[in-house]
């Protein structure tokens, strides 16, 4: 199955990575596990992570399992 997908997409041969700025421009952001080289950027990223995690945790409490509706 995987070989069929690779063949269909024309990915049999290795190619050099080419960044497409026209594709990337409208995107909001991307995910990376790499730390930023700027100290202040790391502080801001850690803050945003904590805020997003807190919001996600609060939303978890609002979701009720289906068994509660029986």
C-alpha atoms as a PDB file:
ATOM      1  CA  UNK A   1       0.000   0.000   0.000  1.00  0.00           C
ATOM      2  CA  UNK A   2       2.742   2.463   0.966  1.00  0.00           C
ATOM      3  CA  UNK A   3       4.699   1.691  -2.194  1.00  0.00           C
ATOM      4  CA  UNK A   4       1.564   2.391  -4.239  1.00  0.00           C
ATOM      5  CA  UNK A   5       1.159   5.799  -2.577  1.00  0.00           C
ATOM      6  CA  UNK A   6       4.830   6.633  -3.139  1.00  0.00           C
ATOM      7  CA  UNK A   7       4.521   5.657  -6.782  1.00  0.00           C
ATOM      8  CA  UNK A   8       1.260   7.594  -7.283  1.00  0.00           C
ATOM      9  CA  UNK A   9       2.789  10.753  -5.802  1.00  0.00           C
ATOM     10  CA  UNK A  10       5.970  10.351  -7.831  1.00  0.00           C
ATOM     11  CA  UNK A  11       8.207  10.139  -4.765  1.00  0.00           C
ATOM     12  CA  UNK A  12      10.412   7.224  -5.811  1.00  0.00           C
ATOM     13  CA  UNK A  13      13.553   9.334  -6.142  1.00  0.00           C
ATOM     14  CA  UNK A  14      15.065  11.580  -3.485  1.00  0.00           C
ATOM     15  CA  UNK A  15      14.816  15.285  -4.223  1.00  0.00           C
ATOM     16  CA  UNK A  16      16.240  18.382  -2.616  1.00  0.00           C
ATOM     17  CA  UNK A  17      13.902  20.257  -0.253  1.00  0.00           C
ATOM     18  CA  UNK A  18      12.575  23.458  -1.813  1.00  0.00           C
ATOM     19  CA  UNK A  19      10.795  25.973   0.375  1.00  0.00           C
ATOM     20  CA  UNK A  20       7.715  27.528  -1.217  1.00  0.00           C
ATOM     21  CA  UNK A  21       7.305  31.023   0.247  1.00  0.00           C
ATOM     22  CA  UNK A  22       4.019  31.590  -1.587  1.00  0.00           C
ATOM     23  CA  UNK A  23       2.584  28.573   0.240  1.00  0.00           C
ATOM     24  CA  UNK A  24       4.035  29.605   3.615  1.00  0.00           C
ATOM     25  CA  UNK A  25       3.091  33.324   3.585  1.00  0.00           C
ATOM     26  CA  UNK A  26      -0.628  32.960   4.446  1.00  0.00           C
ATOM     27  CA  UNK A  27      -0.062  30.330   7.143  1.00  0.00           C
ATOM     28  CA  UNK A  28      -0.517  31.352  10.768  1.00  0.00           C
ATOM     29  CA  UNK A  29       2.394  29.387  12.207  1.00  0.00           C
ATOM     30  CA  UNK A  30       4.129  26.059  12.426  1.00  0.00           C
ATOM     31  CA  UNK A  31       5.147  23.529  15.045  1.00  0.00           C
ATOM     32  CA  UNK A  32       8.771  22.959  15.979  1.00  0.00           C
ATOM     33  CA  UNK A  33      10.399  21.244  18.923  1.00  0.00           C
ATOM     34  CA  UNK A  34      13.500  23.390  18.498  1.00  0.00           C
ATOM     35  CA  UNK A  35      14.110  26.152  21.052  1.00  0.00           C
ATOM     36  CA  UNK A  36      14.383  29.701  19.754  1.00  0.00           C
ATOM     37  CA  UNK A  37      17.822  31.287  19.935  1.00  0.00           C
ATOM     38  CA  UNK A  38      16.409  34.473  21.477  1.00  0.00           C
ATOM     39  CA  UNK A  39      15.823  34.368  25.264  1.00  0.00           C
ATOM     40  CA  UNK A  40      12.807  36.706  25.135  1.00  0.00           C
ATOM     41  CA  UNK A  41      11.204  34.638  22.393  1.00  0.00           C
ATOM     42  CA  UNK A  42      11.502  31.530  24.570  1.00  0.00           C
ATOM     43  CA  UNK A  43       9.831  33.340  27.469  1.00  0.00           C
ATOM     44  CA  UNK A  44       6.962  34.446  25.207  1.00  0.00           C
ATOM     45  CA  UNK A  45       6.538  30.943  23.764  1.00  0.00           C
ATOM     46  CA  UNK A  46       6.462  29.377  27.233  1.00  0.00           C
ATOM     47  CA  UNK A  47       3.833  31.911  28.328  1.00  0.00           C
ATOM     48  CA  UNK A  48       1.646  31.226  25.278  1.00  0.00           C
ATOM     49  CA  UNK A  49       1.987  27.486  25.883  1.00  0.00           C
ATOM     50  CA  UNK A  50       0.834  27.852  29.498  1.00  0.00           C
ATOM     51  CA  UNK A  51      -2.158  30.004  28.459  1.00  0.00           C
ATOM     52  CA  UNK A  52      -3.201  27.538  25.731  1.00  0.00           C
ATOM     53  CA  UNK A  53      -2.789  24.575  28.094  1.00  0.00           C
ATOM     54  CA  UNK A  54      -4.907  26.278  30.759  1.00  0.00           C
ATOM     55  CA  UNK A  55      -7.647  26.991  28.212  1.00  0.00           C
ATOM     56  CA  UNK A  56      -7.562  23.391  26.980  1.00  0.00           C
ATOM     57  CA  UNK A  57      -7.733  22.060  30.537  1.00  0.00           C
ATOM     58  CA  UNK A  58     -10.742  24.288  31.283  1.00  0.00           C
ATOM     59  CA  UNK A  59     -12.505  23.022  28.150  1.00  0.00           C
ATOM     60  CA  UNK A  60     -11.908  19.403  29.206  1.00  0.00           C
ATOM     61  CA  UNK A  61     -14.107  19.942  32.262  1.00  0.00           C
ATOM     62  CA  UNK A  62     -16.988  21.107  30.054  1.00  0.00           C
ATOM     63  CA  UNK A  63     -17.003  17.968  27.940  1.00  0.00           C
ATOM     64  CA  UNK A  64     -19.304  15.298  29.329  1.00  0.00           C
ATOM     65  CA  UNK A  65     -18.966  11.632  28.412  1.00  0.00           C
ATOM     66  CA  UNK A  66     -21.878  10.091  26.495  1.00  0.00           C
ATOM     67  CA  UNK A  67     -22.636   7.777  29.429  1.00  0.00           C
ATOM     68  CA  UNK A  68     -23.793  10.842  31.412  1.00  0.00           C
ATOM     69  CA  UNK A  69     -26.732  11.234  29.016  1.00  0.00           C
ATOM     70  CA  UNK A  70     -28.199   7.767  29.576  1.00  0.00           C
END
